[in-house]
Amino acid sequence: MSSLISEVHLDLEDKHFEACDYQKGQARWCPGCGDHAVLAAVQKLCAEEQLPPEKTVFVSGIGCSSRFPHYMDTTGFMACTGGLSRWPAG
């Protein structure tokens, strides 16, 4: 009886994300707006936590800050007032 030896080699890349991996588009907020700092801080945090962009979702409401998901290279969703809390809950 012969023995069967099976080897499986998974070619898994160790992905390391940088803040630039979460950047998309050019923010169109007013110069000096605090939203620029919030965006940069969140992109830095995502990189520090190594959140895969393809598995990360940002949800926003209305107003200038609602453009936030558009400037993140992740999945994004914008909702009108009242619809925002229902969507993530299913």
C-alpha atoms as a PDB file:
ATOM      1  CA  MET A   1       0.000   0.000   0.000  1.00  0.00           C
ATOM      2  CA  SER A   2       1.415   3.378  -0.924  1.00  0.00           C
ATOM      3  CA  SER A   3       1.019   6.464   1.159  1.00  0.00           C
ATOM      4  CA  LEU A   4      -0.341   9.585  -0.381  1.00  0.00           C
ATOM      5  CA  ILE A   5       1.327  12.784   0.696  1.00  0.00           C
ATOM      6  CA  SER A   6      -0.467  15.907  -0.218  1.00  0.00           C
ATOM      7  CA  GLU A   7       1.036  19.323   0.145  1.00  0.00           C
ATOM      8  CA  VAL A   8      -0.943  22.449  -0.185  1.00  0.00           C
ATOM      9  CA  HIS A   9       0.859  25.677  -0.770  1.00  0.00           C
ATOM     10  CA  LEU A  10      -1.225  28.748  -0.319  1.00  0.00           C
ATOM     11  CA  ASP A  11       0.222  31.804  -1.893  1.00  0.00           C
ATOM     12  CA  LEU A  12      -1.118  34.325   0.567  1.00  0.00           C
ATOM     13  CA  GLU A  13       0.306  37.761   0.269  1.00  0.00           C
ATOM     14  CA  ASP A  14       0.876  39.637   3.455  1.00  0.00           C
ATOM     15  CA  LYS A  15      -0.910  42.853   2.663  1.00  0.00           C
ATOM     16  CA  HIS A  16       0.225  45.921   4.487  1.00  0.00           C
ATOM     17  CA  PHE A  17      -2.035  48.922   4.098  1.00  0.00           C
ATOM     18  CA  GLU A  18      -0.856  52.523   4.183  1.00  0.00           C
ATOM     19  CA  ALA A  19      -3.034  55.599   4.676  1.00  0.00           C
ATOM     20  CA  CYS A  20      -2.840  56.249   0.923  1.00  0.00           C
ATOM     21  CA  ASP A  21      -4.611  52.915   0.297  1.00  0.00           C
ATOM     22  CA  TYR A  22      -7.776  54.490   1.695  1.00  0.00           C
ATOM     23  CA  GLN A  23      -7.584  57.730  -0.310  1.00  0.00           C
ATOM     24  CA  LYS A  24      -9.856  58.348  -3.265  1.00  0.00           C
ATOM     25  CA  GLY A  25     -10.641  61.550  -5.092  1.00  0.00           C
ATOM     26  CA  GLN A  26      -9.810  65.065  -4.018  1.00  0.00           C
ATOM     27  CA  ALA A  27     -11.778  66.444  -1.096  1.00  0.00           C
ATOM     28  CA  ARG A  28     -13.856  69.454  -2.144  1.00  0.00           C
ATOM     29  CA  TRP A  29     -14.497  70.895   1.297  1.00  0.00           C
ATOM     30  CA  CYS A  30     -13.764  74.547   2.030  1.00  0.00           C
ATOM     31  CA  PRO A  31     -10.116  75.323   2.838  1.00  0.00           C
ATOM     32  CA  GLY A  32      -9.613  75.146   6.584  1.00  0.00           C
ATOM     33  CA  CYS A  33     -12.669  72.939   7.120  1.00  0.00           C
ATOM     34  CA  GLY A  34     -12.203  70.447   9.958  1.00  0.00           C
ATOM     35  CA  ASP A  35     -13.498  67.649   7.718  1.00  0.00           C
ATOM     36  CA  HIS A  36     -10.051  67.494   6.066  1.00  0.00           C
ATOM     37  CA  ALA A  37      -8.432  66.676   9.425  1.00  0.00           C
ATOM     38  CA  VAL A  38     -11.105  64.091  10.246  1.00  0.00           C
ATOM     39  CA  LEU A  39     -10.612  62.396   6.863  1.00  0.00           C
ATOM     40  CA  ALA A  40      -6.828  62.252   7.289  1.00  0.00           C
ATOM     41  CA  ALA A  41      -7.169  60.911  10.838  1.00  0.00           C
ATOM     42  CA  VAL A  42      -9.591  58.172   9.780  1.00  0.00           C
ATOM     43  CA  GLN A  43      -7.375  57.133   6.860  1.00  0.00           C
ATOM     44  CA  LYS A  44      -4.422  56.946   9.254  1.00  0.00           C
ATOM     45  CA  LEU A  45      -6.466  54.941  11.767  1.00  0.00           C
ATOM     46  CA  CYS A  46      -7.583  52.468   9.086  1.00  0.00           C
ATOM     47  CA  ALA A  47      -3.938  51.889   8.156  1.00  0.00           C
ATOM     48  CA  GLU A  48      -2.873  51.499  11.787  1.00  0.00           C
ATOM     49  CA  GLU A  49      -5.629  48.927  12.361  1.00  0.00           C
ATOM     50  CA  GLN A  50      -4.874  47.257   8.999  1.00  0.00           C
ATOM     51  CA  LEU A  51      -8.545  47.276   7.978  1.00  0.00           C
ATOM     52  CA  PRO A  52      -8.916  45.720   4.516  1.00  0.00           C
ATOM     53  CA  PRO A  53     -10.459  48.438   2.312  1.00  0.00           C
ATOM     54  CA  GLU A  54     -12.650  45.886   0.546  1.00  0.00           C
ATOM     55  CA  LYS A  55     -14.155  44.865   3.901  1.00  0.00           C
ATOM     56  CA  THR A  56     -14.573  48.364   5.338  1.00  0.00           C
ATOM     57  CA  VAL A  57     -17.779  50.410   5.082  1.00  0.00           C
ATOM     58  CA  PHE A  58     -18.421  54.047   5.893  1.00  0.00           C
ATOM     59  CA  VAL A  59     -21.965  55.336   6.265  1.00  0.00           C
ATOM     60  CA  SER A  60     -22.831  59.032   6.252  1.00  0.00           C
ATOM     61  CA  GLY A  61     -25.812  61.310   6.514  1.00  0.00           C
ATOM     62  CA  ILE A  62     -26.467  64.620   4.781  1.00  0.00           C
ATOM     63  CA  GLY A  63     -24.470  67.847   4.634  1.00  0.00           C
ATOM     64  CA  CYS A  64     -20.875  68.583   3.681  1.00  0.00           C
ATOM     65  CA  SER A  65     -19.531  65.722   5.771  1.00  0.00           C
ATOM     66  CA  SER A  66     -21.740  63.299   3.824  1.00  0.00           C
ATOM     67  CA  ARG A  67     -19.105  63.361   1.089  1.00  0.00           C
ATOM     68  CA  PHE A  68     -16.813  61.442   3.443  1.00  0.00           C
ATOM     69  CA  PRO A  69     -17.453  57.954   1.925  1.00  0.00           C
ATOM     70  CA  HIS A  70     -16.662  59.357  -1.534  1.00  0.00           C
ATOM     71  CA  TYR A  71     -13.148  60.264  -0.386  1.00  0.00           C
ATOM     72  CA  MET A  72     -12.443  56.840   1.131  1.00  0.00           C
ATOM     73  CA  ASP A  73     -11.367  53.990  -1.148  1.00  0.00           C
ATOM     74  CA  THR A  74     -13.741  51.651   0.679  1.00  0.00           C
ATOM     75  CA  THR A  75     -17.413  50.829   0.406  1.00  0.00           C
ATOM     76  CA  GLY A  76     -19.596  53.824   1.200  1.00  0.00           C
ATOM     77  CA  PHE A  77     -23.244  54.611   1.657  1.00  0.00           C
ATOM     78  CA  MET A  78     -25.090  57.916   2.057  1.00  0.00           C
ATOM     79  CA  ALA A  79     -28.618  58.096   3.418  1.00  0.00           C
ATOM     80  CA  CYS A  80     -31.156  60.788   4.125  1.00  0.00           C
ATOM     81  CA  THR A  81     -32.051  61.707   7.675  1.00  0.00           C
ATOM     82  CA  GLY A  82     -33.760  58.781   9.399  1.00  0.00           C
ATOM     83  CA  GLY A  83     -32.601  56.159   6.899  1.00  0.00           C
ATOM     84  CA  LEU A  84     -29.053  56.145   8.117  1.00  0.00           C
ATOM     85  CA  SER A  85     -29.589  54.171  11.314  1.00  0.00           C
ATOM     86  CA  ARG A  86     -31.832  51.560   9.692  1.00  0.00           C
ATOM     87  CA  TRP A  87     -29.506  50.551   6.862  1.00  0.00           C
ATOM     88  CA  PRO A  88     -26.582  49.095   8.871  1.00  0.00           C
ATOM     89  CA  ALA A  89     -28.999  47.358  11.246  1.00  0.00           C
ATOM     90  CA  GLY A  90     -30.567  45.445   8.352  1.00  0.00           C
END
